């Protein structure tokens, strides 16, 4: 099983960060590789579902996600499944810090293919996912901080 964890400090109010991370229509603005999202509204409630078409390692994949735990505005957990047996859990936590928010993304995932899938994960996927989540964190930081500077 793969495991990735990335943290970032965002100089924007925690409620504003929460608003952005729970709106599927905004995922493509900050999540690397997201090309299209279909869903039933905000992901700020248990049971919310959406599917995202992502481009990863040159392939388009559709991942289906369901929100399994929410503690507004501090935590959101989602379970995701994809083609061929891709399975994962994503957890986003937010903590107030210095007038902004410390945001941590944690992902645990299983790729299909048993032993061979595990080798492919260690050689390619883990690094690619880690890079994408790090860039996504940077994108979210820039998006939230730019929006925080604009008066409402």
N, C-alpha and C. Protein backbone atom coordinates (compact mmCIF):
# COMPACT_ATOMS: atom_id res chain seq x y z
N UNK A 1 0.84 -1.18 0.00
CA UNK A 1 0.00 0.00 0.00
C UNK A 1 0.88 1.24 0.00
N UNK A 2 0.53 2.21 -0.84
CA UNK A 2 1.27 3.46 -0.90
C UNK A 2 0.75 4.46 0.11
N UNK A 3 1.63 5.37 0.52
CA UNK A 3 1.26 6.39 1.49
C UNK A 3 1.97 7.69 1.13
N UNK A 4 1.20 8.77 1.08
CA UNK A 4 1.75 10.08 0.77
C UNK A 4 1.19 11.08 1.77
N UNK A 5 2.04 12.01 2.19
CA UNK A 5 1.60 13.06 3.13
C UNK A 5 2.31 14.35 2.74
N UNK A 6 1.54 15.42 2.66
CA UNK A 6 2.07 16.73 2.28
C UNK A 6 1.35 17.79 3.09
N UNK A 7 2.11 18.75 3.63
CA UNK A 7 1.52 19.85 4.41
C UNK A 7 1.92 21.19 3.82
N UNK A 8 1.04 22.18 4.01
CA UNK A 8 1.30 23.53 3.53
C UNK A 8 0.60 24.52 4.47
N UNK A 9 1.24 25.66 4.69
CA UNK A 9 0.59 26.73 5.44
C UNK A 9 -0.01 27.70 4.44
N UNK A 10 -1.27 28.07 4.67
CA UNK A 10 -1.98 28.99 3.78
C UNK A 10 -2.37 30.23 4.58
N UNK A 11 -1.95 31.39 4.10
CA UNK A 11 -2.29 32.65 4.75
C UNK A 11 -3.66 33.14 4.27
N UNK A 12 -4.67 32.41 4.68
CA UNK A 12 -6.07 32.74 4.38
C UNK A 12 -6.91 32.13 5.49
N UNK A 13 -8.07 32.71 5.77
CA UNK A 13 -8.93 32.16 6.82
C UNK A 13 -9.31 30.71 6.55
N UNK A 14 -9.36 29.92 7.61
CA UNK A 14 -9.65 28.49 7.49
C UNK A 14 -10.99 28.25 6.80
N UNK A 15 -12.00 29.09 7.08
CA UNK A 15 -13.31 28.92 6.44
C UNK A 15 -13.24 29.12 4.93
N UNK A 16 -12.38 30.02 4.51
CA UNK A 16 -12.22 30.27 3.07
C UNK A 16 -11.53 29.07 2.40
N UNK A 17 -10.53 28.53 3.05
CA UNK A 17 -9.85 27.34 2.51
C UNK A 17 -10.85 26.19 2.42
N UNK A 18 -11.65 26.01 3.46
CA UNK A 18 -12.67 24.95 3.49
C UNK A 18 -13.62 25.10 2.31
N UNK A 19 -14.07 26.32 2.06
CA UNK A 19 -15.00 26.57 0.95
C UNK A 19 -14.42 26.11 -0.38
N UNK A 20 -13.14 26.38 -0.60
CA UNK A 20 -12.52 26.01 -1.87
C UNK A 20 -12.31 24.51 -1.99
N UNK A 21 -11.85 23.86 -0.92
CA UNK A 21 -11.55 22.42 -1.03
C UNK A 21 -12.80 21.55 -1.07
N UNK A 22 -13.97 22.09 -0.73
CA UNK A 22 -15.19 21.27 -0.73
C UNK A 22 -16.08 21.52 -1.94
N UNK A 23 -15.59 22.28 -2.91
CA UNK A 23 -16.39 22.54 -4.12
C UNK A 23 -15.76 21.82 -5.31
N UNK A 24 -16.37 20.71 -5.73
CA UNK A 24 -15.81 19.95 -6.85
C UNK A 24 -15.59 20.78 -8.11
N UNK A 25 -16.44 21.76 -8.35
CA UNK A 25 -16.27 22.57 -9.56
C UNK A 25 -14.98 23.39 -9.53
N UNK A 26 -14.32 23.48 -8.37
CA UNK A 26 -13.05 24.21 -8.26
C UNK A 26 -11.83 23.29 -8.21
N UNK A 27 -12.04 21.98 -8.19
CA UNK A 27 -10.91 21.05 -8.07
C UNK A 27 -9.87 21.25 -9.16
N UNK A 28 -10.32 21.45 -10.39
CA UNK A 28 -9.36 21.59 -11.51
C UNK A 28 -8.51 22.84 -11.37
N UNK A 29 -8.94 23.81 -10.55
CA UNK A 29 -8.15 25.02 -10.35
C UNK A 29 -6.89 24.77 -9.53
N UNK A 30 -6.91 23.70 -8.72
CA UNK A 30 -5.75 23.49 -7.86
C UNK A 30 -5.23 22.06 -7.87
N UNK A 31 -6.05 21.08 -8.16
CA UNK A 31 -5.57 19.69 -8.16
C UNK A 31 -4.94 19.36 -9.51
N UNK A 32 -3.70 18.91 -9.47
CA UNK A 32 -2.96 18.58 -10.68
C UNK A 32 -3.58 17.36 -11.37
N UNK A 33 -3.77 17.48 -12.67
CA UNK A 33 -4.27 16.35 -13.47
C UNK A 33 -5.78 16.26 -13.57
N UNK A 34 -6.52 17.02 -12.77
CA UNK A 34 -7.99 16.94 -12.84
C UNK A 34 -8.45 17.68 -14.08
N UNK A 35 -9.17 16.95 -14.96
CA UNK A 35 -9.65 17.55 -16.20
C UNK A 35 -11.14 17.84 -16.17
N UNK A 36 -11.88 17.04 -15.41
CA UNK A 36 -13.34 17.18 -15.37
C UNK A 36 -13.86 16.58 -14.08
N UNK A 37 -14.90 17.20 -13.51
CA UNK A 37 -15.50 16.69 -12.28
C UNK A 37 -17.01 16.71 -12.44
N UNK A 38 -17.64 15.58 -12.07
CA UNK A 38 -19.10 15.48 -12.05
C UNK A 38 -19.49 15.08 -10.64
N UNK A 39 -20.50 15.78 -10.07
CA UNK A 39 -20.88 15.44 -8.72
C UNK A 39 -22.23 15.97 -8.33
N UNK A 40 -22.58 15.71 -7.07
CA UNK A 40 -23.89 16.12 -6.56
C UNK A 40 -23.77 17.27 -5.56
N UNK A 41 -22.86 18.20 -5.83
CA UNK A 41 -22.73 19.37 -4.97
C UNK A 41 -21.49 19.32 -4.12
N UNK A 42 -21.44 20.20 -3.12
CA UNK A 42 -20.24 20.30 -2.28
C UNK A 42 -19.93 18.99 -1.56
N UNK A 43 -18.66 18.80 -1.27
CA UNK A 43 -18.22 17.58 -0.58
C UNK A 43 -18.10 17.83 0.92
N UNK A 44 -18.93 18.70 1.46
CA UNK A 44 -18.86 19.06 2.87
C UNK A 44 -19.82 18.25 3.74
N UNK A 45 -20.27 17.10 3.21
CA UNK A 45 -21.19 16.24 3.97
C UNK A 45 -20.91 14.77 3.66
N UNK A 46 -21.10 13.95 4.66
CA UNK A 46 -20.92 12.51 4.49
C UNK A 46 -21.93 12.01 3.45
N UNK A 47 -21.45 11.17 2.56
CA UNK A 47 -22.30 10.60 1.52
C UNK A 47 -22.23 11.33 0.19
N UNK A 48 -21.64 12.53 0.17
CA UNK A 48 -21.49 13.25 -1.10
C UNK A 48 -20.60 12.41 -2.03
N UNK A 49 -20.97 12.38 -3.30
CA UNK A 49 -20.23 11.60 -4.29
C UNK A 49 -19.88 12.47 -5.49
N UNK A 50 -18.76 12.14 -6.09
CA UNK A 50 -18.37 12.79 -7.34
C UNK A 50 -17.43 11.86 -8.10
N UNK A 51 -17.31 12.12 -9.38
CA UNK A 51 -16.31 11.41 -10.18
C UNK A 51 -15.43 12.46 -10.84
N UNK A 52 -14.17 12.13 -10.93
CA UNK A 52 -13.19 13.05 -11.51
C UNK A 52 -12.42 12.32 -12.60
N UNK A 53 -12.32 12.96 -13.74
CA UNK A 53 -11.47 12.46 -14.81
C UNK A 53 -10.10 13.09 -14.60
N UNK A 54 -9.11 12.25 -14.38
CA UNK A 54 -7.76 12.73 -14.14
C UNK A 54 -6.82 12.18 -15.20
N UNK A 55 -5.80 12.95 -15.49
CA UNK A 55 -4.77 12.47 -16.41
C UNK A 55 -3.54 12.20 -15.57
N UNK A 56 -3.11 10.95 -15.59
CA UNK A 56 -1.96 10.53 -14.80
C UNK A 56 -1.08 9.64 -15.65
N UNK A 57 0.19 10.00 -15.72
CA UNK A 57 1.17 9.24 -16.50
C UNK A 57 0.69 8.99 -17.93
N UNK A 58 0.08 10.04 -18.53
CA UNK A 58 -0.34 9.97 -19.91
C UNK A 58 -1.67 9.28 -20.17
N UNK A 59 -2.33 8.81 -19.11
CA UNK A 59 -3.61 8.10 -19.27
C UNK A 59 -4.73 8.88 -18.59
N UNK A 60 -5.92 8.83 -19.20
CA UNK A 60 -7.10 9.42 -18.58
C UNK A 60 -7.82 8.34 -17.79
N UNK A 61 -8.08 8.64 -16.53
CA UNK A 61 -8.76 7.69 -15.66
C UNK A 61 -9.93 8.37 -14.99
N UNK A 62 -11.01 7.62 -14.78
CA UNK A 62 -12.12 8.17 -14.01
C UNK A 62 -12.10 7.55 -12.62
N UNK A 63 -12.00 8.42 -11.63
CA UNK A 63 -11.99 7.99 -10.23
C UNK A 63 -13.32 8.40 -9.60
N UNK A 64 -13.91 7.48 -8.87
CA UNK A 64 -15.17 7.74 -8.18
C UNK A 64 -14.89 7.88 -6.69
N UNK A 65 -15.41 8.95 -6.10
CA UNK A 65 -15.14 9.23 -4.69
C UNK A 65 -16.42 9.44 -3.91
N UNK A 66 -16.35 9.07 -2.62
CA UNK A 66 -17.45 9.31 -1.70
C UNK A 66 -16.88 9.84 -0.39
N UNK A 67 -17.50 10.88 0.13
CA UNK A 67 -17.08 11.46 1.41
C UNK A 67 -17.55 10.54 2.53
N UNK A 68 -16.61 10.14 3.39
CA UNK A 68 -16.92 9.20 4.47
C UNK A 68 -16.87 9.82 5.85
N UNK A 69 -16.24 10.99 5.97
CA UNK A 69 -16.15 11.66 7.27
C UNK A 69 -15.95 13.15 7.08
N UNK A 70 -16.65 13.95 7.87
CA UNK A 70 -16.53 15.40 7.79
C UNK A 70 -16.58 15.97 9.21
N UNK A 71 -15.65 16.88 9.49
CA UNK A 71 -15.67 17.67 10.72
C UNK A 71 -15.39 19.11 10.29
N UNK A 72 -16.44 19.80 9.91
CA UNK A 72 -16.32 21.15 9.36
C UNK A 72 -15.77 22.12 10.40
N UNK A 73 -14.82 22.97 10.06
CA UNK A 73 -14.01 23.10 8.85
C UNK A 73 -12.63 22.48 9.03
N UNK A 74 -12.54 21.35 9.69
CA UNK A 74 -11.23 20.82 10.06
C UNK A 74 -10.81 19.53 9.35
N UNK A 75 -11.76 18.77 8.83
CA UNK A 75 -11.38 17.45 8.31
C UNK A 75 -12.38 16.99 7.28
N UNK A 76 -11.85 16.40 6.22
CA UNK A 76 -12.69 15.72 5.24
C UNK A 76 -11.94 14.47 4.78
N UNK A 77 -12.65 13.35 4.80
CA UNK A 77 -12.08 12.06 4.38
C UNK A 77 -12.92 11.52 3.24
N UNK A 78 -12.24 10.96 2.24
CA UNK A 78 -12.92 10.42 1.08
C UNK A 78 -12.33 9.06 0.71
N UNK A 79 -13.19 8.19 0.25
CA UNK A 79 -12.76 6.91 -0.32
C UNK A 79 -12.89 7.02 -1.83
N UNK A 80 -11.90 6.51 -2.55
CA UNK A 80 -11.91 6.58 -4.01
C UNK A 80 -11.64 5.21 -4.60
N UNK A 81 -12.27 4.95 -5.74
CA UNK A 81 -12.03 3.73 -6.49
C UNK A 81 -11.81 4.11 -7.95
N UNK A 82 -11.09 3.25 -8.64
CA UNK A 82 -10.82 3.52 -10.05
C UNK A 82 -10.71 2.23 -10.83
N UNK A 83 -10.40 2.34 -12.11
CA UNK A 83 -10.35 1.19 -12.99
C UNK A 83 -9.32 0.15 -12.56
N UNK A 84 -9.68 -1.10 -12.74
CA UNK A 84 -8.75 -2.19 -12.49
C UNK A 84 -8.48 -2.50 -11.04
N UNK A 85 -9.21 -1.88 -10.13
CA UNK A 85 -9.01 -2.17 -8.71
C UNK A 85 -8.25 -1.12 -7.94
N UNK A 86 -8.06 0.07 -8.52
CA UNK A 86 -7.45 1.17 -7.78
C UNK A 86 -8.36 1.50 -6.61
N UNK A 87 -7.77 1.64 -5.42
CA UNK A 87 -8.54 1.89 -4.21
C UNK A 87 -7.74 2.81 -3.31
N UNK A 88 -8.38 3.81 -2.72
CA UNK A 88 -7.63 4.70 -1.86
C UNK A 88 -8.49 5.49 -0.90
N UNK A 89 -7.81 6.09 0.06
CA UNK A 89 -8.44 6.98 1.03
C UNK A 89 -7.63 8.27 1.06
N UNK A 90 -8.33 9.39 0.95
CA UNK A 90 -7.69 10.70 1.03
C UNK A 90 -8.25 11.42 2.25
N UNK A 91 -7.35 12.04 3.00
CA UNK A 91 -7.73 12.78 4.20
C UNK A 91 -7.12 14.17 4.09
N UNK A 92 -7.95 15.20 4.28
CA UNK A 92 -7.47 16.58 4.31
C UNK A 92 -7.81 17.12 5.69
N UNK A 93 -6.79 17.60 6.40
CA UNK A 93 -7.03 18.23 7.70
C UNK A 93 -6.60 19.68 7.64
N UNK A 94 -7.33 20.52 8.35
CA UNK A 94 -7.05 21.95 8.44
C UNK A 94 -6.96 22.34 9.90
N UNK A 95 -5.94 23.10 10.24
CA UNK A 95 -5.75 23.60 11.61
C UNK A 95 -5.50 25.09 11.54
N UNK A 96 -6.20 25.87 12.37
CA UNK A 96 -5.91 27.31 12.41
C UNK A 96 -4.46 27.52 12.85
N UNK A 97 -3.79 28.46 12.18
CA UNK A 97 -2.39 28.74 12.52
C UNK A 97 -2.02 30.13 12.04
N UNK A 98 -1.65 30.98 12.98
CA UNK A 98 -1.14 32.30 12.63
C UNK A 98 -2.04 33.12 11.73
N UNK A 99 -3.33 33.10 11.95
CA UNK A 99 -4.26 33.86 11.12
C UNK A 99 -4.61 33.15 9.82
N UNK A 100 -4.02 32.01 9.59
CA UNK A 100 -4.29 31.24 8.38
C UNK A 100 -4.62 29.80 8.75
N UNK A 101 -4.19 28.88 7.92
CA UNK A 101 -4.49 27.47 8.14
C UNK A 101 -3.31 26.60 7.71
N UNK A 102 -3.01 25.61 8.54
CA UNK A 102 -2.09 24.55 8.14
C UNK A 102 -2.94 23.44 7.56
N UNK A 103 -2.66 23.07 6.32
CA UNK A 103 -3.44 22.06 5.62
C UNK A 103 -2.54 20.86 5.34
N UNK A 104 -3.03 19.67 5.71
CA UNK A 104 -2.27 18.44 5.47
C UNK A 104 -3.11 17.49 4.62
N UNK A 105 -2.50 17.02 3.54
CA UNK A 105 -3.11 16.03 2.66
C UNK A 105 -2.44 14.69 2.93
N UNK A 106 -3.23 13.67 3.19
CA UNK A 106 -2.70 12.33 3.39
C UNK A 106 -3.46 11.39 2.46
N UNK A 107 -2.72 10.53 1.77
CA UNK A 107 -3.35 9.57 0.87
C UNK A 107 -2.74 8.19 1.09
N UNK A 108 -3.62 7.23 1.28
CA UNK A 108 -3.24 5.82 1.32
C UNK A 108 -3.94 5.15 0.15
N UNK A 109 -3.21 4.36 -0.61
CA UNK A 109 -3.80 3.80 -1.82
C UNK A 109 -3.23 2.41 -2.11
N UNK A 110 -3.99 1.67 -2.88
CA UNK A 110 -3.62 0.33 -3.31
C UNK A 110 -3.79 0.28 -4.83
N UNK A 111 -2.74 -0.16 -5.52
CA UNK A 111 -2.82 -0.33 -6.95
C UNK A 111 -3.08 -1.79 -7.27
N UNK A 112 -3.72 -2.05 -8.40
CA UNK A 112 -3.92 -3.45 -8.79
C UNK A 112 -2.60 -4.08 -9.21
N UNK A 113 -2.59 -5.39 -9.28
CA UNK A 113 -1.42 -6.08 -9.83
C UNK A 113 -0.56 -6.78 -8.82
N UNK A 114 -0.97 -6.81 -7.55
CA UNK A 114 -0.21 -7.54 -6.54
C UNK A 114 1.23 -7.09 -6.46
N UNK A 115 2.13 -8.05 -6.50
CA UNK A 115 3.56 -7.79 -6.37
C UNK A 115 4.08 -6.85 -7.46
N UNK A 116 3.67 -7.10 -8.71
CA UNK A 116 4.10 -6.27 -9.83
C UNK A 116 3.57 -4.85 -9.67
N UNK A 117 2.32 -4.70 -9.23
CA UNK A 117 1.75 -3.38 -8.97
C UNK A 117 2.51 -2.65 -7.89
N UNK A 118 2.97 -3.39 -6.86
CA UNK A 118 3.76 -2.79 -5.79
C UNK A 118 5.09 -2.27 -6.29
N UNK A 119 5.71 -3.00 -7.19
CA UNK A 119 6.98 -2.56 -7.77
C UNK A 119 6.76 -1.31 -8.63
N UNK A 120 5.71 -1.33 -9.45
CA UNK A 120 5.40 -0.17 -10.30
C UNK A 120 5.12 1.05 -9.42
N UNK A 121 4.45 0.83 -8.30
CA UNK A 121 4.16 1.94 -7.38
C UNK A 121 5.46 2.55 -6.88
N UNK A 122 6.35 1.73 -6.38
CA UNK A 122 7.61 2.24 -5.82
C UNK A 122 8.49 2.90 -6.89
N UNK A 123 8.46 2.37 -8.11
CA UNK A 123 9.31 2.92 -9.17
C UNK A 123 8.74 4.18 -9.82
N UNK A 124 7.41 4.26 -9.93
CA UNK A 124 6.82 5.35 -10.71
C UNK A 124 5.71 6.11 -9.98
N UNK A 125 4.67 5.40 -9.60
CA UNK A 125 3.45 6.06 -9.13
C UNK A 125 3.65 6.87 -7.86
N UNK A 126 4.35 6.34 -6.89
CA UNK A 126 4.49 7.05 -5.62
C UNK A 126 5.15 8.41 -5.84
N UNK A 127 6.20 8.44 -6.64
CA UNK A 127 6.87 9.72 -6.92
C UNK A 127 5.97 10.66 -7.70
N UNK A 128 5.25 10.13 -8.69
CA UNK A 128 4.36 10.98 -9.49
C UNK A 128 3.23 11.53 -8.63
N UNK A 129 2.61 10.70 -7.80
CA UNK A 129 1.54 11.16 -6.92
C UNK A 129 2.05 12.16 -5.90
N UNK A 130 3.21 11.89 -5.33
CA UNK A 130 3.80 12.81 -4.36
C UNK A 130 4.03 14.18 -5.00
N UNK A 131 4.58 14.19 -6.19
CA UNK A 131 4.82 15.44 -6.92
C UNK A 131 3.51 16.17 -7.20
N UNK A 132 2.49 15.43 -7.66
CA UNK A 132 1.20 16.05 -7.98
C UNK A 132 0.53 16.63 -6.74
N UNK A 133 0.61 15.93 -5.63
CA UNK A 133 0.00 16.45 -4.40
C UNK A 133 0.76 17.67 -3.89
N UNK A 134 2.07 17.65 -3.99
CA UNK A 134 2.87 18.81 -3.58
C UNK A 134 2.52 20.02 -4.45
N UNK A 135 2.45 19.83 -5.76
CA UNK A 135 2.08 20.94 -6.65
C UNK A 135 0.64 21.39 -6.41
N UNK A 136 -0.25 20.43 -6.14
CA UNK A 136 -1.63 20.78 -5.82
C UNK A 136 -1.73 21.62 -4.55
N UNK A 137 -0.90 21.28 -3.56
CA UNK A 137 -0.85 22.07 -2.32
C UNK A 137 -0.39 23.49 -2.60
N UNK A 138 0.63 23.62 -3.43
CA UNK A 138 1.14 24.94 -3.80
C UNK A 138 0.08 25.74 -4.57
N UNK A 139 -0.65 25.06 -5.46
CA UNK A 139 -1.71 25.71 -6.21
C UNK A 139 -2.83 26.19 -5.29
N UNK A 140 -3.22 25.33 -4.33
CA UNK A 140 -4.26 25.69 -3.38
C UNK A 140 -3.84 26.89 -2.55
N UNK A 141 -2.60 26.90 -2.10
CA UNK A 141 -2.06 28.02 -1.33
C UNK A 141 -2.16 29.31 -2.13
N UNK A 142 -1.71 29.30 -3.37
CA UNK A 142 -1.74 30.50 -4.22
C UNK A 142 -3.18 30.95 -4.47
N UNK A 143 -4.07 30.02 -4.74
CA UNK A 143 -5.47 30.34 -5.01
C UNK A 143 -6.13 30.97 -3.79
N UNK A 144 -5.97 30.34 -2.63
CA UNK A 144 -6.59 30.84 -1.40
C UNK A 144 -6.03 32.19 -0.99
N UNK A 145 -4.72 32.33 -1.07
CA UNK A 145 -4.09 33.59 -0.66
C UNK A 145 -4.46 34.73 -1.59
N UNK A 146 -4.56 34.46 -2.88
CA UNK A 146 -4.98 35.50 -3.84
C UNK A 146 -6.43 35.90 -3.56
N UNK A 147 -7.28 34.94 -3.28
CA UNK A 147 -8.69 35.23 -3.01
C UNK A 147 -8.83 35.98 -1.68
N UNK A 148 -7.97 35.68 -0.70
CA UNK A 148 -8.05 36.34 0.60
C UNK A 148 -7.71 37.82 0.49
N UNK A 149 -6.91 38.19 -0.50
CA UNK A 149 -6.51 39.59 -0.69
C UNK A 149 -7.58 40.41 -1.37
N UNK A 150 -8.56 39.74 -2.00
CA UNK A 150 -9.63 40.43 -2.71
C UNK A 150 -10.78 40.68 -1.73
N UNK A 151 -11.18 41.94 -1.51
CA UNK A 151 -12.28 42.20 -0.57
C UNK A 151 -13.57 41.56 -1.05
N UNK A 152 -14.31 41.02 -0.10
CA UNK A 152 -15.57 40.35 -0.44
C UNK A 152 -16.67 41.34 -0.74
